[in-house]
């Protein structure tokens, strides 16, 4: 005795799923000092890293330089 075949369900089209991101509120663009500070932190960080290797300074200068670079890159996430 053959096994009965189940009925196939038709996929129900619902459309695209709604976004879970909150709607962005119109925010003002970043002030000019924010951009200057962001690039200054990155430049200072690169300078400290290079100075550490050329002048054989302590490793704390390297850590500080990498911290400034990371801080500059973190500031880019808040740039509008």
N, C-alpha and C. Protein backbone atom coordinates (compact mmCIF):
# COMPACT_ATOMS: atom_id res chain seq x y z
N UNK A 1 0.84 -1.18 0.00
CA UNK A 1 0.00 0.00 0.00
C UNK A 1 0.89 1.25 0.00
N UNK A 2 0.77 2.10 -1.01
CA UNK A 2 1.63 3.28 -1.11
C UNK A 2 1.26 4.33 -0.07
N UNK A 3 2.27 5.06 0.33
CA UNK A 3 2.10 6.13 1.32
C UNK A 3 1.41 7.32 0.66
N UNK A 4 0.40 7.92 1.30
CA UNK A 4 -0.26 9.08 0.70
C UNK A 4 0.68 10.29 0.69
N UNK A 5 0.57 11.08 -0.37
CA UNK A 5 1.41 12.26 -0.51
C UNK A 5 0.72 13.45 0.12
N UNK A 6 1.50 14.23 0.87
CA UNK A 6 0.91 15.41 1.51
C UNK A 6 0.73 16.52 0.48
N UNK A 7 -0.24 17.40 0.75
CA UNK A 7 -0.49 18.51 -0.16
C UNK A 7 0.62 19.53 -0.03
N UNK A 8 1.01 20.09 -1.13
CA UNK A 8 2.04 21.13 -1.12
C UNK A 8 1.40 22.45 -0.75
N UNK A 9 2.09 23.16 0.14
CA UNK A 9 1.60 24.48 0.52
C UNK A 9 2.16 25.52 -0.43
N UNK A 10 1.31 26.45 -0.83
CA UNK A 10 1.78 27.53 -1.68
C UNK A 10 2.43 28.59 -0.80
N UNK A 11 3.59 29.06 -1.18
CA UNK A 11 4.23 30.10 -0.36
C UNK A 11 3.39 31.37 -0.40
N UNK A 12 3.20 31.93 0.77
CA UNK A 12 2.43 33.15 0.88
C UNK A 12 3.38 34.33 0.74
N UNK A 13 3.16 35.16 -0.28
CA UNK A 13 4.03 36.30 -0.51
C UNK A 13 3.59 37.44 0.41
N UNK A 14 4.50 37.86 1.24
CA UNK A 14 4.19 38.92 2.19
C UNK A 14 4.83 40.23 1.75
N UNK A 15 5.82 40.16 0.91
CA UNK A 15 6.54 41.36 0.50
C UNK A 15 7.84 41.46 1.26
N UNK A 16 8.55 42.53 1.04
CA UNK A 16 9.83 42.68 1.74
C UNK A 16 9.62 42.87 3.24
N UNK A 17 10.54 42.31 4.01
CA UNK A 17 10.42 42.45 5.46
C UNK A 17 10.75 43.89 5.85
N UNK A 18 10.01 44.43 6.80
CA UNK A 18 10.28 45.81 7.22
C UNK A 18 11.60 45.92 7.94
N UNK A 19 12.24 47.06 7.80
CA UNK A 19 13.53 47.29 8.44
C UNK A 19 13.35 47.44 9.94
N UNK A 20 14.30 46.92 10.69
CA UNK A 20 14.24 47.05 12.15
C UNK A 20 15.02 48.25 12.64
N UNK A 21 15.71 48.91 11.70
CA UNK A 21 16.48 50.08 12.10
C UNK A 21 15.53 51.22 12.42
N UNK A 22 15.83 51.96 13.47
CA UNK A 22 14.98 53.11 13.76
C UNK A 22 15.14 54.17 12.67
N UNK A 23 14.08 54.89 12.43
CA UNK A 23 14.14 55.91 11.40
C UNK A 23 15.09 57.00 11.84
N UNK A 24 15.92 57.42 10.90
CA UNK A 24 16.94 58.41 11.22
C UNK A 24 16.30 59.79 11.30
N UNK A 25 16.62 60.47 12.37
CA UNK A 25 16.14 61.81 12.56
C UNK A 25 17.08 62.74 11.81
N UNK A 26 16.55 63.78 11.22
CA UNK A 26 17.41 64.73 10.51
C UNK A 26 18.37 65.37 11.50
N UNK A 27 19.63 65.00 11.39
CA UNK A 27 20.65 65.55 12.27
C UNK A 27 21.48 66.55 11.51
N UNK A 28 22.00 67.50 12.23
CA UNK A 28 22.84 68.52 11.61
C UNK A 28 24.18 67.91 11.23
N UNK A 29 24.83 68.45 10.22
CA UNK A 29 26.16 67.94 9.85
C UNK A 29 27.18 68.23 10.95
N UNK A 30 28.24 67.48 10.93
CA UNK A 30 29.28 67.64 11.94
C UNK A 30 29.92 69.03 11.83
N UNK A 31 30.30 69.61 12.97
CA UNK A 31 30.97 70.91 12.90
C UNK A 31 32.37 70.75 12.31
N UNK A 32 32.92 71.85 11.83
CA UNK A 32 34.22 71.79 11.15
C UNK A 32 35.34 71.39 12.11
N UNK A 33 35.22 71.74 13.41
CA UNK A 33 36.28 71.37 14.35
C UNK A 33 36.33 69.86 14.54
N UNK A 34 35.23 69.18 14.34
CA UNK A 34 35.18 67.72 14.51
C UNK A 34 36.07 67.05 13.45
N UNK A 35 35.97 67.52 12.23
CA UNK A 35 36.77 66.94 11.15
C UNK A 35 38.24 67.23 11.38
N UNK A 36 38.56 68.46 11.80
CA UNK A 36 39.95 68.83 12.04
C UNK A 36 40.53 67.98 13.18
N UNK A 37 39.77 67.82 14.25
CA UNK A 37 40.24 67.01 15.38
C UNK A 37 40.43 65.55 14.97
N UNK A 38 39.51 65.04 14.16
CA UNK A 38 39.59 63.64 13.72
C UNK A 38 40.89 63.39 12.94
N UNK A 39 41.17 64.25 11.97
CA UNK A 39 42.39 64.06 11.17
C UNK A 39 43.64 64.40 11.97
N UNK A 40 43.54 65.34 12.90
CA UNK A 40 44.70 65.67 13.73
C UNK A 40 45.07 64.50 14.64
N UNK A 41 44.06 63.82 15.18
CA UNK A 41 44.35 62.64 16.02
C UNK A 41 45.03 61.55 15.21
N UNK A 42 44.55 61.32 14.00
CA UNK A 42 45.17 60.28 13.17
C UNK A 42 46.60 60.68 12.79
N UNK A 43 46.81 61.93 12.43
CA UNK A 43 48.15 62.39 12.05
C UNK A 43 49.11 62.33 13.24
N UNK A 44 48.63 62.74 14.42
CA UNK A 44 49.46 62.66 15.61
C UNK A 44 49.82 61.22 15.94
N UNK A 45 48.87 60.33 15.79
CA UNK A 45 49.13 58.91 16.04
C UNK A 45 50.17 58.33 15.11
N UNK A 46 50.05 58.64 13.82
CA UNK A 46 51.04 58.15 12.85
C UNK A 46 52.41 58.74 13.16
N UNK A 47 52.42 60.03 13.52
CA UNK A 47 53.70 60.67 13.86
C UNK A 47 54.36 60.00 15.06
N UNK A 48 53.58 59.71 16.09
CA UNK A 48 54.14 59.06 17.28
C UNK A 48 54.67 57.67 16.97
N UNK A 49 53.94 56.92 16.14
CA UNK A 49 54.42 55.58 15.77
C UNK A 49 55.73 55.67 14.99
N UNK A 50 55.81 56.60 14.05
CA UNK A 50 57.05 56.75 13.27
C UNK A 50 58.21 57.23 14.14
N UNK A 51 57.93 58.18 15.04
CA UNK A 51 58.98 58.68 15.93
C UNK A 51 59.49 57.58 16.86
N UNK A 52 58.61 56.72 17.28
CA UNK A 52 59.02 55.63 18.17
C UNK A 52 60.04 54.73 17.48
N UNK A 53 59.83 54.46 16.18
CA UNK A 53 60.76 53.58 15.48
C UNK A 53 62.04 54.30 15.05
N UNK A 54 61.94 55.55 14.63
CA UNK A 54 63.14 56.25 14.18
C UNK A 54 64.03 56.69 15.33
N UNK A 55 63.44 57.05 16.47
CA UNK A 55 64.23 57.54 17.60
C UNK A 55 64.39 56.51 18.72
N UNK A 56 63.85 55.32 18.53
CA UNK A 56 63.94 54.23 19.50
C UNK A 56 63.43 54.64 20.88
N UNK A 57 62.25 55.23 20.89
CA UNK A 57 61.63 55.61 22.17
C UNK A 57 60.96 54.41 22.80
N UNK A 58 60.40 54.62 23.99
CA UNK A 58 59.73 53.53 24.72
C UNK A 58 58.48 53.05 23.98
N UNK A 59 58.04 51.87 24.39
CA UNK A 59 56.83 51.31 23.78
C UNK A 59 55.57 52.07 24.16
N UNK A 60 55.61 52.83 25.23
CA UNK A 60 54.42 53.59 25.63
C UNK A 60 54.07 54.62 24.57
N UNK A 61 55.07 55.12 23.84
CA UNK A 61 54.82 56.06 22.75
C UNK A 61 54.10 55.35 21.61
N UNK A 62 54.48 54.10 21.35
CA UNK A 62 53.80 53.31 20.33
C UNK A 62 52.34 53.08 20.72
N UNK A 63 52.10 52.73 21.96
CA UNK A 63 50.73 52.49 22.43
C UNK A 63 49.91 53.78 22.35
N UNK A 64 50.52 54.90 22.73
CA UNK A 64 49.81 56.18 22.64
C UNK A 64 49.50 56.52 21.19
N UNK A 65 50.43 56.28 20.30
CA UNK A 65 50.20 56.55 18.88
C UNK A 65 49.08 55.70 18.32
N UNK A 66 49.09 54.43 18.65
CA UNK A 66 48.02 53.55 18.19
C UNK A 66 46.67 53.94 18.80
N UNK A 67 46.71 54.44 20.04
CA UNK A 67 45.48 54.92 20.67
C UNK A 67 44.92 56.14 19.96
N UNK A 68 45.79 57.06 19.56
CA UNK A 68 45.33 58.24 18.82
C UNK A 68 44.76 57.84 17.45
N UNK A 69 45.41 56.90 16.79
CA UNK A 69 44.90 56.43 15.50
C UNK A 69 43.52 55.79 15.68
N UNK A 70 43.40 54.95 16.69
CA UNK A 70 42.11 54.29 16.94
C UNK A 70 41.04 55.32 17.31
N UNK A 71 41.40 56.32 18.11
CA UNK A 71 40.44 57.36 18.46
C UNK A 71 39.98 58.14 17.24
N UNK A 72 40.90 58.42 16.33
CA UNK A 72 40.53 59.11 15.09
C UNK A 72 39.59 58.29 14.24
N UNK A 73 39.87 57.00 14.14
CA UNK A 73 38.98 56.14 13.36
C UNK A 73 37.62 55.98 14.04
N UNK A 74 37.59 55.93 15.34
CA UNK A 74 36.30 55.86 16.04
C UNK A 74 35.49 57.14 15.82
N UNK A 75 36.17 58.25 15.70
CA UNK A 75 35.46 59.50 15.44
C UNK A 75 34.81 59.50 14.06
N UNK A 76 35.37 58.73 13.12
CA UNK A 76 34.77 58.69 11.78
C UNK A 76 33.39 58.05 11.81
N UNK A 77 33.09 57.22 12.79
CA UNK A 77 31.78 56.59 12.86
C UNK A 77 30.70 57.58 13.25
N UNK A 78 31.07 58.67 13.92
CA UNK A 78 30.09 59.67 14.30
C UNK A 78 30.03 60.85 13.35
N UNK A 79 30.82 60.79 12.28
CA UNK A 79 30.86 61.90 11.33
C UNK A 79 29.59 61.90 10.49
N UNK A 80 29.00 63.08 10.31
CA UNK A 80 27.79 63.20 9.49
C UNK A 80 28.04 64.19 8.39
